[in-house]
């Protein structure tokens, strides 16, 4: 799956699982690690794990392999590496502390919260 399409699919799944403040960042040309970051928050550690599990299961069914993951038991930050797209699922406090959106301020970003409810297209 093309990186942009994968990023949008991940965003859709996160939105369906009620992830909070979903932001997609295009890192093309800024990073050799990946093309996109998807950053979101969960309301609790249980919610964060549910978002991560749903992403893993639904993407696996589409043949997309999770390359690496971390933080499941940390309760503050879960990282899922799907190759061209890296997903960061934060607790609200940890997201505020690390401010990844600010660290990657040069990246194009799209706040996609509420897109699934309004049926708008996400353009990056």
PDB file of N, CA and C in Angstrom:
ATOM      1  N   UNK A   1       0.852  -1.175   0.000  1.00  0.00           N
ATOM      2  CA  UNK A   1       0.000   0.000   0.000  1.00  0.00           C
ATOM      3  C   UNK A   1       0.900   1.242   0.000  1.00  0.00           C
ATOM      4  N   UNK A   2       0.552   2.222  -0.804  1.00  0.00           N
ATOM      5  CA  UNK A   2       1.316   3.468  -0.877  1.00  0.00           C
ATOM      6  C   UNK A   2       1.307   4.164   0.488  1.00  0.00           C
ATOM      7  N   UNK A   3       2.407   4.844   0.850  1.00  0.00           N
ATOM      8  CA  UNK A   3       2.491   5.475   2.175  1.00  0.00           C
ATOM      9  C   UNK A   3       1.332   6.415   2.506  1.00  0.00           C
ATOM     10  N   UNK A   4       0.937   7.262   1.569  1.00  0.00           N
ATOM     11  CA  UNK A   4      -0.155   8.205   1.836  1.00  0.00           C
ATOM     12  C   UNK A   4      -1.469   7.468   2.072  1.00  0.00           C
ATOM     13  N   UNK A   5      -1.720   6.468   1.258  1.00  0.00           N
ATOM     14  CA  UNK A   5      -2.958   5.688   1.421  1.00  0.00           C
ATOM     15  C   UNK A   5      -2.953   4.948   2.761  1.00  0.00           C
ATOM     16  N   UNK A   6      -1.800   4.385   3.138  1.00  0.00           N
ATOM     17  CA  UNK A   6      -1.677   3.715   4.424  1.00  0.00           C
ATOM     18  C   UNK A   6      -1.919   4.696   5.566  1.00  0.00           C
ATOM     19  N   UNK A   7      -1.329   5.877   5.472  1.00  0.00           N
ATOM     20  CA  UNK A   7      -1.515   6.894   6.515  1.00  0.00           C
ATOM     21  C   UNK A   7      -2.987   7.257   6.674  1.00  0.00           C
ATOM     22  N   UNK A   8      -3.672   7.414   5.570  1.00  0.00           N
ATOM     23  CA  UNK A   8      -5.099   7.762   5.624  1.00  0.00           C
ATOM     24  C   UNK A   8      -5.935   6.615   6.178  1.00  0.00           C
ATOM     25  N   UNK A   9      -5.571   5.388   5.841  1.00  0.00           N
ATOM     26  CA  UNK A   9      -6.278   4.219   6.380  1.00  0.00           C
ATOM     27  C   UNK A   9      -6.087   4.131   7.895  1.00  0.00           C
ATOM     28  N   UNK A  10      -4.875   4.379   8.340  1.00  0.00           N
ATOM     29  CA  UNK A  10      -4.595   4.372   9.781  1.00  0.00           C
ATOM     30  C   UNK A  10      -5.389   5.473  10.477  1.00  0.00           C
ATOM     31  N   UNK A  11      -5.436   6.648   9.887  1.00  0.00           N
ATOM     32  CA  UNK A  11      -6.200   7.761  10.461  1.00  0.00           C
ATOM     33  C   UNK A  11      -7.679   7.392  10.581  1.00  0.00           C
ATOM     34  N   UNK A  12      -8.206   6.755   9.548  1.00  0.00           N
ATOM     35  CA  UNK A  12      -9.620   6.344   9.562  1.00  0.00           C
ATOM     36  C   UNK A  12      -9.893   5.351  10.693  1.00  0.00           C
ATOM     37  N   UNK A  13      -9.022   4.373  10.849  1.00  0.00           N
ATOM     38  CA  UNK A  13      -9.200   3.372  11.904  1.00  0.00           C
ATOM     39  C   UNK A  13      -9.112   4.030  13.283  1.00  0.00           C
ATOM     40  N   UNK A  14      -8.149   4.925  13.472  1.00  0.00           N
ATOM     41  CA  UNK A  14      -8.009   5.617  14.759  1.00  0.00           C
ATOM     42  C   UNK A  14      -9.255   6.443  15.073  1.00  0.00           C
ATOM     43  N   UNK A  15      -9.774   7.131  14.070  1.00  0.00           N
ATOM     44  CA  UNK A  15     -10.999   7.924  14.255  1.00  0.00           C
ATOM     45  C   UNK A  15     -12.185   7.024  14.626  1.00  0.00           C
ATOM     46  N   UNK A  16     -12.288   5.884  13.967  1.00  0.00           N
ATOM     47  CA  UNK A  16     -13.392   4.957  14.265  1.00  0.00           C
ATOM     48  C   UNK A  16     -13.320   4.452  15.700  1.00  0.00           C
ATOM     49  N   UNK A  17     -12.118   4.384  16.250  1.00  0.00           N
ATOM     50  CA  UNK A  17     -11.930   3.912  17.625  1.00  0.00           C
ATOM     51  C   UNK A  17     -11.973   5.080  18.619  1.00  0.00           C
ATOM     52  N   UNK A  18     -12.408   6.242  18.145  1.00  0.00           N
ATOM     53  CA  UNK A  18     -12.602   7.437  18.977  1.00  0.00           C
ATOM     54  C   UNK A  18     -11.300   7.997  19.552  1.00  0.00           C
ATOM     55  N   UNK A  19     -10.198   7.873  18.800  1.00  0.00           N
ATOM     56  CA  UNK A  19      -8.945   8.515  19.209  1.00  0.00           C
ATOM     57  C   UNK A  19      -9.173  10.028  19.249  1.00  0.00           C
ATOM     58  N   UNK A  20      -8.474  10.682  20.142  1.00  0.00           N
ATOM     59  CA  UNK A  20      -8.632  12.122  20.339  1.00  0.00           C
ATOM     60  C   UNK A  20      -7.536  12.889  19.609  1.00  0.00           C
ATOM     61  N   UNK A  21      -7.862  14.073  19.099  1.00  0.00           N
ATOM     62  CA  UNK A  21      -6.901  15.002  18.484  1.00  0.00           C
ATOM     63  C   UNK A  21      -5.978  14.281  17.498  1.00  0.00           C
ATOM     64  N   UNK A  22      -6.560  13.654  16.517  1.00  0.00           N
ATOM     65  CA  UNK A  22      -5.790  12.901  15.523  1.00  0.00           C
ATOM     66  C   UNK A  22      -5.132  13.872  14.549  1.00  0.00           C
ATOM     67  N   UNK A  23      -3.807  13.774  14.440  1.00  0.00           N
ATOM     68  CA  UNK A  23      -3.037  14.640  13.557  1.00  0.00           C
ATOM     69  C   UNK A  23      -2.157  13.760  12.676  1.00  0.00           C
ATOM     70  N   UNK A  24      -2.189  14.029  11.385  1.00  0.00           N
ATOM     71  CA  UNK A  24      -1.353  13.329  10.420  1.00  0.00           C
ATOM     72  C   UNK A  24      -0.274  14.295   9.959  1.00  0.00           C
ATOM     73  N   UNK A  25       0.984  13.867  10.061  1.00  0.00           N
ATOM     74  CA  UNK A  25       2.113  14.724   9.689  1.00  0.00           C
ATOM     75  C   UNK A  25       2.883  14.097   8.536  1.00  0.00           C
ATOM     76  N   UNK A  26       3.072  14.857   7.479  1.00  0.00           N
ATOM     77  CA  UNK A  26       3.814  14.413   6.305  1.00  0.00           C
ATOM     78  C   UNK A  26       5.288  14.762   6.515  1.00  0.00           C
ATOM     79  N   UNK A  27       6.119  13.743   6.710  1.00  0.00           N
ATOM     80  CA  UNK A  27       7.540  13.939   6.973  1.00  0.00           C
ATOM     81  C   UNK A  27       8.396  13.716   5.734  1.00  0.00           C
ATOM     82  N   UNK A  28       7.754  13.567   4.573  1.00  0.00           N
ATOM     83  CA  UNK A  28       8.498  13.347   3.334  1.00  0.00           C
ATOM     84  C   UNK A  28       9.542  14.443   3.151  1.00  0.00           C
ATOM     85  N   UNK A  29      10.767  14.039   2.908  1.00  0.00           N
ATOM     86  CA  UNK A  29      11.845  15.002   2.718  1.00  0.00           C
ATOM     87  C   UNK A  29      12.438  15.528   4.014  1.00  0.00           C
ATOM     88  N   UNK A  30      11.811  15.229   5.146  1.00  0.00           N
ATOM     89  CA  UNK A  30      12.314  15.702   6.441  1.00  0.00           C
ATOM     90  C   UNK A  30      12.942  14.581   7.261  1.00  0.00           C
ATOM     91  N   UNK A  31      12.562  13.341   6.953  1.00  0.00           N
ATOM     92  CA  UNK A  31      13.008  12.210   7.750  1.00  0.00           C
ATOM     93  C   UNK A  31      13.324  11.028   6.843  1.00  0.00           C
ATOM     94  N   UNK A  32      14.345  10.288   7.211  1.00  0.00           N
ATOM     95  CA  UNK A  32      14.647   9.049   6.489  1.00  0.00           C
ATOM     96  C   UNK A  32      13.994   7.860   7.179  1.00  0.00           C
ATOM     97  N   UNK A  33      13.411   8.091   8.339  1.00  0.00           N
ATOM     98  CA  UNK A  33      12.812   7.025   9.124  1.00  0.00           C
ATOM     99  C   UNK A  33      11.456   6.601   8.568  1.00  0.00           C
ATOM    100  N   UNK A  34      10.614   7.566   8.233  1.00  0.00           N
ATOM    101  CA  UNK A  34       9.278   7.259   7.721  1.00  0.00           C
ATOM    102  C   UNK A  34       8.747   8.456   6.941  1.00  0.00           C
ATOM    103  N   UNK A  35       7.636   8.243   6.238  1.00  0.00           N
ATOM    104  CA  UNK A  35       7.006   9.310   5.464  1.00  0.00           C
ATOM    105  C   UNK A  35       5.937  10.056   6.263  1.00  0.00           C
ATOM    106  N   UNK A  36       5.284   9.366   7.200  1.00  0.00           N
ATOM    107  CA  UNK A  36       4.182   9.971   7.957  1.00  0.00           C
ATOM    108  C   UNK A  36       4.248   9.578   9.423  1.00  0.00           C
ATOM    109  N   UNK A  37       3.847  10.509  10.273  1.00  0.00           N
ATOM    110  CA  UNK A  37       3.518  10.248  11.670  1.00  0.00           C
ATOM    111  C   UNK A  37       2.020  10.415  11.797  1.00  0.00           C
ATOM    112  N   UNK A  38       1.390   9.520  12.518  1.00  0.00           N
ATOM    113  CA  UNK A  38       0.023   9.752  12.956  1.00  0.00           C
ATOM    114  C   UNK A  38       0.125   9.892  14.467  1.00  0.00           C
ATOM    115  N   UNK A  39      -0.348  11.004  14.986  1.00  0.00           N
ATOM    116  CA  UNK A  39      -0.287  11.283  16.415  1.00  0.00           C
ATOM    117  C   UNK A  39      -1.719  11.425  16.916  1.00  0.00           C
ATOM    118  N   UNK A  40      -2.010  10.727  18.014  1.00  0.00           N
ATOM    119  CA  UNK A  40      -3.346  10.835  18.608  1.00  0.00           C
ATOM    120  C   UNK A  40      -3.243  10.582  20.102  1.00  0.00           C
ATOM    121  N   UNK A  41      -4.336  10.807  20.786  1.00  0.00           N
ATOM    122  CA  UNK A  41      -4.403  10.577  22.229  1.00  0.00           C
ATOM    123  C   UNK A  41      -5.552   9.644  22.542  1.00  0.00           C
ATOM    124  N   UNK A  42      -5.385   8.926  23.643  1.00  0.00           N
ATOM    125  CA  UNK A  42      -6.458   8.092  24.179  1.00  0.00           C
ATOM    126  C   UNK A  42      -6.884   8.652  25.516  1.00  0.00           C
ATOM    127  N   UNK A  43      -8.125   8.405  25.885  1.00  0.00           N
ATOM    128  CA  UNK A  43      -8.661   8.954  27.135  1.00  0.00           C
ATOM    129  C   UNK A  43      -8.099   8.267  28.369  1.00  0.00           C
ATOM    130  N   UNK A  44      -7.610   7.034  28.206  1.00  0.00           N
ATOM    131  CA  UNK A  44      -7.050   6.254  29.314  1.00  0.00           C
ATOM    132  C   UNK A  44      -6.090   5.231  28.723  1.00  0.00           C
ATOM    133  N   UNK A  45      -5.352   4.544  29.588  1.00  0.00           N
ATOM    134  CA  UNK A  45      -4.435   3.516  29.086  1.00  0.00           C
ATOM    135  C   UNK A  45      -5.201   2.384  28.408  1.00  0.00           C
ATOM    136  N   UNK A  46      -6.386   2.075  28.905  1.00  0.00           N
ATOM    137  CA  UNK A  46      -7.219   1.044  28.284  1.00  0.00           C
ATOM    138  C   UNK A  46      -7.644   1.491  26.881  1.00  0.00           C
ATOM    139  N   UNK A  47      -8.048   2.739  26.749  1.00  0.00           N
ATOM    140  CA  UNK A  47      -8.445   3.281  25.449  1.00  0.00           C
ATOM    141  C   UNK A  47      -7.256   3.289  24.491  1.00  0.00           C
ATOM    142  N   UNK A  48      -6.085   3.676  24.984  1.00  0.00           N
ATOM    143  CA  UNK A  48      -4.878   3.696  24.153  1.00  0.00           C
ATOM    144  C   UNK A  48      -4.575   2.291  23.619  1.00  0.00           C
ATOM    145  N   UNK A  49      -4.629   1.294  24.485  1.00  0.00           N
ATOM    146  CA  UNK A  49      -4.367  -0.091  24.047  1.00  0.00           C
ATOM    147  C   UNK A  49      -5.425  -0.566  23.061  1.00  0.00           C
ATOM    148  N   UNK A  50      -6.668  -0.155  23.249  1.00  0.00           N
ATOM    149  CA  UNK A  50      -7.738  -0.542  22.325  1.00  0.00           C
ATOM    150  C   UNK A  50      -7.501   0.045  20.930  1.00  0.00           C
ATOM    151  N   UNK A  51      -7.058   1.288  20.865  1.00  0.00           N
ATOM    152  CA  UNK A  51      -6.747   1.915  19.577  1.00  0.00           C
ATOM    153  C   UNK A  51      -5.623   1.137  18.897  1.00  0.00           C
ATOM    154  N   UNK A  52      -4.558   0.854  19.655  1.00  0.00           N
ATOM    155  CA  UNK A  52      -3.406   0.139  19.092  1.00  0.00           C
ATOM    156  C   UNK A  52      -3.799  -1.260  18.611  1.00  0.00           C
ATOM    157  N   UNK A  53      -4.555  -1.975  19.402  1.00  0.00           N
ATOM    158  CA  UNK A  53      -4.975  -3.337  19.051  1.00  0.00           C
ATOM    159  C   UNK A  53      -5.838  -3.326  17.795  1.00  0.00           C
ATOM    160  N   UNK A  54      -6.740  -2.370  17.706  1.00  0.00           N
ATOM    161  CA  UNK A  54      -7.614  -2.265  16.535  1.00  0.00           C
ATOM    162  C   UNK A  54      -6.798  -1.971  15.275  1.00  0.00           C
ATOM    163  N   UNK A  55      -5.823  -1.080  15.389  1.00  0.00           N
ATOM    164  CA  UNK A  55      -4.953  -0.786  14.253  1.00  0.00           C
ATOM    165  C   UNK A  55      -4.205  -2.039  13.811  1.00  0.00           C
ATOM    166  N   UNK A  56      -3.613  -2.739  14.761  1.00  0.00           N
ATOM    167  CA  UNK A  56      -2.866  -3.952  14.437  1.00  0.00           C
ATOM    168  C   UNK A  56      -3.748  -4.990  13.740  1.00  0.00           C
ATOM    169  N   UNK A  57      -4.923  -5.245  14.311  1.00  0.00           N
ATOM    170  CA  UNK A  57      -5.807  -6.279  13.772  1.00  0.00           C
ATOM    171  C   UNK A  57      -6.333  -5.925  12.378  1.00  0.00           C
ATOM    172  N   UNK A  58      -6.831  -4.710  12.218  1.00  0.00           N
ATOM    173  CA  UNK A  58      -7.422  -4.333  10.933  1.00  0.00           C
ATOM    174  C   UNK A  58      -6.374  -4.226   9.827  1.00  0.00           C
ATOM    175  N   UNK A  59      -5.195  -3.722  10.154  1.00  0.00           N
ATOM    176  CA  UNK A  59      -4.147  -3.615   9.141  1.00  0.00           C
ATOM    177  C   UNK A  59      -3.571  -4.983   8.804  1.00  0.00           C
ATOM    178  N   UNK A  60      -3.474  -5.855   9.779  1.00  0.00           N
ATOM    179  CA  UNK A  60      -2.992  -7.213   9.533  1.00  0.00           C
ATOM    180  C   UNK A  60      -3.918  -7.941   8.549  1.00  0.00           C
ATOM    181  N   UNK A  61      -5.218  -7.737   8.693  1.00  0.00           N
ATOM    182  CA  UNK A  61      -6.183  -8.349   7.776  1.00  0.00           C
ATOM    183  C   UNK A  61      -6.020  -7.839   6.347  1.00  0.00           C
ATOM    184  N   UNK A  62      -5.420  -6.652   6.202  1.00  0.00           N
ATOM    185  CA  UNK A  62      -5.166  -6.073   4.878  1.00  0.00           C
ATOM    186  C   UNK A  62      -3.763  -6.419   4.377  1.00  0.00           C
ATOM    187  N   UNK A  63      -3.054  -7.259   5.143  1.00  0.00           N
ATOM    188  CA  UNK A  63      -1.721  -7.681   4.742  1.00  0.00           C
ATOM    189  C   UNK A  63      -0.606  -6.717   5.103  1.00  0.00           C
ATOM    190  N   UNK A  64      -0.886  -5.782   5.999  1.00  0.00           N
ATOM    191  CA  UNK A  64       0.114  -4.793   6.401  1.00  0.00           C
ATOM    192  C   UNK A  64       0.745  -5.258   7.711  1.00  0.00           C
ATOM    193  N   UNK A  65       2.055  -5.388   7.685  1.00  0.00           N
ATOM    194  CA  UNK A  65       2.793  -5.938   8.811  1.00  0.00           C
ATOM    195  C   UNK A  65       3.240  -4.850   9.778  1.00  0.00           C
ATOM    196  N   UNK A  66       3.016  -5.102  11.048  1.00  0.00           N
ATOM    197  CA  UNK A  66       3.544  -4.247  12.104  1.00  0.00           C
ATOM    198  C   UNK A  66       5.011  -4.622  12.270  1.00  0.00           C
ATOM    199  N   UNK A  67       5.912  -3.687  12.019  1.00  0.00           N
ATOM    200  CA  UNK A  67       7.344  -3.970  12.088  1.00  0.00           C
ATOM    201  C   UNK A  67       7.877  -3.956  13.514  1.00  0.00           C
ATOM    202  N   UNK A  68       7.331  -3.063  14.331  1.00  0.00           N
ATOM    203  CA  UNK A  68       7.796  -2.945  15.702  1.00  0.00           C
ATOM    204  C   UNK A  68       6.753  -2.193  16.518  1.00  0.00           C
ATOM    205  N   UNK A  69       6.759  -2.431  17.808  1.00  0.00           N
ATOM    206  CA  UNK A  69       5.849  -1.690  18.692  1.00  0.00           C
ATOM    207  C   UNK A  69       6.526  -1.534  20.046  1.00  0.00           C
ATOM    208  N   UNK A  70       6.020  -0.592  20.801  1.00  0.00           N
ATOM    209  CA  UNK A  70       6.560  -0.380  22.135  1.00  0.00           C
ATOM    210  C   UNK A  70       5.625   0.451  22.980  1.00  0.00           C
ATOM    211  N   UNK A  71       5.783   0.324  24.292  1.00  0.00           N
ATOM    212  CA  UNK A  71       5.041   1.168  25.213  1.00  0.00           C
ATOM    213  C   UNK A  71       3.708   0.633  25.678  1.00  0.00           C
ATOM    214  N   UNK A  72       3.346  -0.593  25.284  1.00  0.00           N
ATOM    215  CA  UNK A  72       2.032  -1.112  25.662  1.00  0.00           C
ATOM    216  C   UNK A  72       1.811  -1.121  27.171  1.00  0.00           C
ATOM    217  N   UNK A  73       2.857  -1.339  27.919  1.00  0.00           N
ATOM    218  CA  UNK A  73       2.690  -1.450  29.367  1.00  0.00           C
ATOM    219  C   UNK A  73       3.127  -0.187  30.101  1.00  0.00           C
ATOM    220  N   UNK A  74       3.556   0.805  29.339  1.00  0.00           N
ATOM    221  CA  UNK A  74       4.000   2.072  29.900  1.00  0.00           C
ATOM    222  C   UNK A  74       2.822   2.937  30.343  1.00  0.00           C
ATOM    223  N   UNK A  75       1.689   2.801  29.691  1.00  0.00           N
ATOM    224  CA  UNK A  75       0.455   3.541  29.992  1.00  0.00           C
ATOM    225  C   UNK A  75       0.521   5.021  29.643  1.00  0.00           C
ATOM    226  N   UNK A  76       1.575   5.445  28.922  1.00  0.00           N
ATOM    227  CA  UNK A  76       1.691   6.856  28.576  1.00  0.00           C
ATOM    228  C   UNK A  76       1.890   7.091  27.083  1.00  0.00           C
ATOM    229  N   UNK A  77       2.518   6.123  26.393  1.00  0.00           N
ATOM    230  CA  UNK A  77       2.868   6.332  24.989  1.00  0.00           C
ATOM    231  C   UNK A  77       3.020   4.977  24.325  1.00  0.00           C
ATOM    232  N   UNK A  78       2.232   4.720  23.309  1.00  0.00           N
ATOM    233  CA  UNK A  78       2.356   3.499  22.513  1.00  0.00           C
ATOM    234  C   UNK A  78       2.845   3.899  21.132  1.00  0.00           C
ATOM    235  N   UNK A  79       3.851   3.198  20.654  1.00  0.00           N
ATOM    236  CA  UNK A  79       4.401   3.457  19.327  1.00  0.00           C
ATOM    237  C   UNK A  79       4.200   2.216  18.462  1.00  0.00           C
ATOM    238  N   UNK A  80       3.649   2.413  17.264  1.00  0.00           N
ATOM    239  CA  UNK A  80       3.451   1.335  16.295  1.00  0.00           C
ATOM    240  C   UNK A  80       4.163   1.722  15.006  1.00  0.00           C
ATOM    241  N   UNK A  81       5.072   0.874  14.561  1.00  0.00           N
ATOM    242  CA  UNK A  81       5.853   1.145  13.358  1.00  0.00           C
ATOM    243  C   UNK A  81       5.356   0.267  12.213  1.00  0.00           C
ATOM    244  N   UNK A  82       4.711   0.892  11.247  1.00  0.00           N
ATOM    245  CA  UNK A  82       4.225   0.190  10.066  1.00  0.00           C
ATOM    246  C   UNK A  82       5.108   0.483   8.848  1.00  0.00           C
ATOM    247  N   UNK A  83       6.357   0.854   9.088  1.00  0.00           N
ATOM    248  CA  UNK A  83       7.286   1.143   8.004  1.00  0.00           C
ATOM    249  C   UNK A  83       7.225   2.597   7.595  1.00  0.00           C
ATOM    250  N   UNK A  84       6.471   2.884   6.570  1.00  0.00           N
ATOM    251  CA  UNK A  84       6.362   4.262   6.084  1.00  0.00           C
ATOM    252  C   UNK A  84       5.511   5.151   6.981  1.00  0.00           C
ATOM    253  N   UNK A  85       4.769   4.537   7.882  1.00  0.00           N
ATOM    254  CA  UNK A  85       3.915   5.293   8.802  1.00  0.00           C
ATOM    255  C   UNK A  85       4.191   4.825  10.231  1.00  0.00           C
ATOM    256  N   UNK A  86       4.494   5.773  11.103  1.00  0.00           N
ATOM    257  CA  UNK A  86       4.710   5.485  12.515  1.00  0.00           C
ATOM    258  C   UNK A  86       3.582   6.144  13.305  1.00  0.00           C
ATOM    259  N   UNK A  87       2.944   5.360  14.150  1.00  0.00           N
ATOM    260  CA  UNK A  87       1.803   5.821  14.936  1.00  0.00           C
ATOM    261  C   UNK A  87       2.243   6.057  16.378  1.00  0.00           C
ATOM    262  N   UNK A  88       1.875   7.221  16.911  1.00  0.00           N
ATOM    263  CA  UNK A  88       2.143   7.572  18.308  1.00  0.00           C
ATOM    264  C   UNK A  88       0.792   7.751  18.989  1.00  0.00           C
ATOM    265  N   UNK A  89       0.517   6.914  19.979  1.00  0.00           N
ATOM    266  CA  UNK A  89      -0.722   7.021  20.749  1.00  0.00           C
ATOM    267  C   UNK A  89      -0.319   7.455  22.160  1.00  0.00           C
ATOM    268  N   UNK A  90      -0.732   8.645  22.544  1.00  0.00           N
ATOM    269  CA  UNK A  90      -0.301   9.252  23.805  1.00  0.00           C
ATOM    270  C   UNK A  90      -1.438   9.338  24.811  1.00  0.00           C
ATOM    271  N   UNK A  91      -1.051   9.393  26.091  1.00  0.00           N
ATOM    272  CA  UNK A  91      -1.962   9.917  27.103  1.00  0.00           C
ATOM    273  C   UNK A  91      -1.931  11.436  26.896  1.00  0.00           C
ATOM    274  N   UNK A  92      -2.984  12.151  27.270  1.00  0.00           N
ATOM    275  CA  UNK A  92      -2.976  13.612  27.078  1.00  0.00           C
ATOM    276  C   UNK A  92      -1.788  14.311  27.741  1.00  0.00           C
ATOM    277  N   UNK A  93      -1.431  13.882  28.944  1.00  0.00           N
ATOM    278  CA  UNK A  93      -0.335  14.524  29.672  1.00  0.00           C
ATOM    279  C   UNK A  93       1.008  14.293  28.974  1.00  0.00           C
ATOM    280  N   UNK A  94       1.236  13.086  28.509  1.00  0.00           N
ATOM    281  CA  UNK A  94       2.495  12.756  27.846  1.00  0.00           C
ATOM    282  C   UNK A  94       2.596  13.461  26.502  1.00  0.00           C
ATOM    283  N   UNK A  95       1.480  13.563  25.809  1.00  0.00           N
ATOM    284  CA  UNK A  95       1.483  14.284  24.527  1.00  0.00           C
ATOM    285  C   UNK A  95       1.847  15.751  24.743  1.00  0.00           C
ATOM    286  N   UNK A  96       1.291  16.346  25.757  1.00  0.00           N
ATOM    287  CA  UNK A  96       1.608  17.746  26.067  1.00  0.00           C
ATOM    288  C   UNK A  96       3.077  17.902  26.436  1.00  0.00           C
ATOM    289  N   UNK A  97       3.610  16.943  27.166  1.00  0.00           N
ATOM    290  CA  UNK A  97       5.006  17.017  27.606  1.00  0.00           C
ATOM    291  C   UNK A  97       5.983  16.925  26.430  1.00  0.00           C
ATOM    292  N   UNK A  98       5.789  15.952  25.543  1.00  0.00           N
ATOM    293  CA  UNK A  98       6.738  15.737  24.448  1.00  0.00           C
ATOM    294  C   UNK A  98       6.504  16.643  23.238  1.00  0.00           C
ATOM    295  N   UNK A  99       5.296  17.055  23.003  1.00  0.00           N
ATOM    296  CA  UNK A  99       4.957  17.995  21.930  1.00  0.00           C
ATOM    297  C   UNK A  99       5.611  17.637  20.588  1.00  0.00           C
ATOM    298  N   UNK A 100       5.369  16.426  20.118  1.00  0.00           N
ATOM    299  CA  UNK A 100       5.944  15.995  18.832  1.00  0.00           C
ATOM    300  C   UNK A 100       5.541  16.907  17.680  1.00  0.00           C
ATOM    301  N   UNK A 101       4.313  17.401  17.720  1.00  0.00           N
ATOM    302  CA  UNK A 101       3.879  18.302  16.654  1.00  0.00           C
ATOM    303  C   UNK A 101       4.778  19.539  16.579  1.00  0.00           C
ATOM    304  N   UNK A 102       5.216  20.015  17.712  1.00  0.00           N
ATOM    305  CA  UNK A 102       6.102  21.183  17.745  1.00  0.00           C
ATOM    306  C   UNK A 102       7.519  20.816  17.308  1.00  0.00           C
ATOM    307  N   UNK A 103       7.976  19.645  17.724  1.00  0.00           N
ATOM    308  CA  UNK A 103       9.315  19.192  17.333  1.00  0.00           C
ATOM    309  C   UNK A 103       9.443  19.028  15.816  1.00  0.00           C
ATOM    310  N   UNK A 104       8.354  18.610  15.190  1.00  0.00           N
ATOM    311  CA  UNK A 104       8.330  18.415  13.740  1.00  0.00           C
ATOM    312  C   UNK A 104       7.536  19.532  13.076  1.00  0.00           C
ATOM    313  N   UNK A 105       7.754  20.743  13.504  1.00  0.00           N
ATOM    314  CA  UNK A 105       6.981  21.902  13.024  1.00  0.00           C
ATOM    315  C   UNK A 105       7.134  22.128  11.524  1.00  0.00           C
ATOM    316  N   UNK A 106       8.219  21.673  10.919  1.00  0.00           N
ATOM    317  CA  UNK A 106       8.423  21.869   9.479  1.00  0.00           C
ATOM    318  C   UNK A 106       7.577  20.913   8.633  1.00  0.00           C
ATOM    319  N   UNK A 107       7.021  19.902   9.245  1.00  0.00           N
ATOM    320  CA  UNK A 107       6.210  18.926   8.509  1.00  0.00           C
ATOM    321  C   UNK A 107       4.836  19.508   8.182  1.00  0.00           C
ATOM    322  N   UNK A 108       4.312  19.117   7.017  1.00  0.00           N
ATOM    323  CA  UNK A 108       2.922  19.468   6.703  1.00  0.00           C
ATOM    324  C   UNK A 108       2.062  18.662   7.661  1.00  0.00           C
ATOM    325  N   UNK A 109       1.048  19.286   8.209  1.00  0.00           N
ATOM    326  CA  UNK A 109       0.194  18.558   9.145  1.00  0.00           C
ATOM    327  C   UNK A 109      -1.269  18.795   8.851  1.00  0.00           C
ATOM    328  N   UNK A 110      -2.043  17.807   9.209  1.00  0.00           N
ATOM    329  CA  UNK A 110      -3.478  17.876   9.011  1.00  0.00           C
ATOM    330  C   UNK A 110      -4.156  17.343  10.250  1.00  0.00           C
ATOM    331  N   UNK A 111      -4.916  18.184  10.910  1.00  0.00           N
ATOM    332  CA  UNK A 111      -5.722  17.749  12.045  1.00  0.00           C
ATOM    333  C   UNK A 111      -6.971  17.120  11.457  1.00  0.00           C
ATOM    334  N   UNK A 112      -7.101  15.829  11.628  1.00  0.00           N
ATOM    335  CA  UNK A 112      -8.211  15.148  10.956  1.00  0.00           C
ATOM    336  C   UNK A 112      -9.379  14.849  11.874  1.00  0.00           C
ATOM    337  N   UNK A 113      -9.343  15.337  13.089  1.00  0.00           N
ATOM    338  CA  UNK A 113     -10.467  15.127  14.001  1.00  0.00           C
ATOM    339  C   UNK A 113     -11.749  15.628  13.357  1.00  0.00           C
ATOM    340  N   UNK A 114     -12.779  14.874  13.508  1.00  0.00           N
ATOM    341  CA  UNK A 114     -14.117  15.183  12.994  1.00  0.00           C
ATOM    342  C   UNK A 114     -14.277  14.982  11.485  1.00  0.00           C
ATOM    343  N   UNK A 115     -13.218  14.604  10.758  1.00  0.00           N
ATOM    344  CA  UNK A 115     -13.370  14.372   9.329  1.00  0.00           C
ATOM    345  C   UNK A 115     -14.295  13.201   9.048  1.00  0.00           C
ATOM    346  N   UNK A 116     -14.190  12.148   9.856  1.00  0.00           N
ATOM    347  CA  UNK A 116     -15.027  10.981   9.600  1.00  0.00           C
ATOM    348  C   UNK A 116     -16.502  11.306   9.832  1.00  0.00           C
ATOM    349  N   UNK A 117     -16.758  12.214  10.746  1.00  0.00           N
ATOM    350  CA  UNK A 117     -18.152  12.571  11.024  1.00  0.00           C
ATOM    351  C   UNK A 117     -18.724  13.514   9.969  1.00  0.00           C
ATOM    352  N   UNK A 118     -17.875  14.317   9.342  1.00  0.00           N
ATOM    353  CA  UNK A 118     -18.372  15.276   8.350  1.00  0.00           C
ATOM    354  C   UNK A 118     -18.283  14.734   6.925  1.00  0.00           C
ATOM    355  N   UNK A 119     -17.649  13.568   6.769  1.00  0.00           N
ATOM    356  CA  UNK A 119     -17.498  12.922   5.465  1.00  0.00           C
ATOM    357  C   UNK A 119     -16.619  13.719   4.508  1.00  0.00           C
ATOM    358  N   UNK A 120     -15.858  14.683   5.036  1.00  0.00           N
ATOM    359  CA  UNK A 120     -14.928  15.433   4.197  1.00  0.00           C
ATOM    360  C   UNK A 120     -13.759  14.543   3.796  1.00  0.00           C
ATOM    361  N   UNK A 121     -13.115  14.878   2.706  1.00  0.00           N
ATOM    362  CA  UNK A 121     -11.917  14.158   2.299  1.00  0.00           C
ATOM    363  C   UNK A 121     -10.721  14.764   3.024  1.00  0.00           C
ATOM    364  N   UNK A 122      -9.764  13.917   3.315  1.00  0.00           N
ATOM    365  CA  UNK A 122      -8.546  14.356   3.951  1.00  0.00           C
ATOM    366  C   UNK A 122      -7.514  14.559   2.859  1.00  0.00           C
ATOM    367  N   UNK A 123      -7.041  15.766   2.693  1.00  0.00           N
ATOM    368  CA  UNK A 123      -6.015  16.077   1.696  1.00  0.00           C
ATOM    369  C   UNK A 123      -4.742  16.497   2.390  1.00  0.00           C
ATOM    370  N   UNK A 124      -3.654  15.925   1.967  1.00  0.00           N
ATOM    371  CA  UNK A 124      -2.361  16.271   2.547  1.00  0.00           C
ATOM    372  C   UNK A 124      -1.485  16.784   1.431  1.00  0.00           C
TER     373      UNK A 124
END
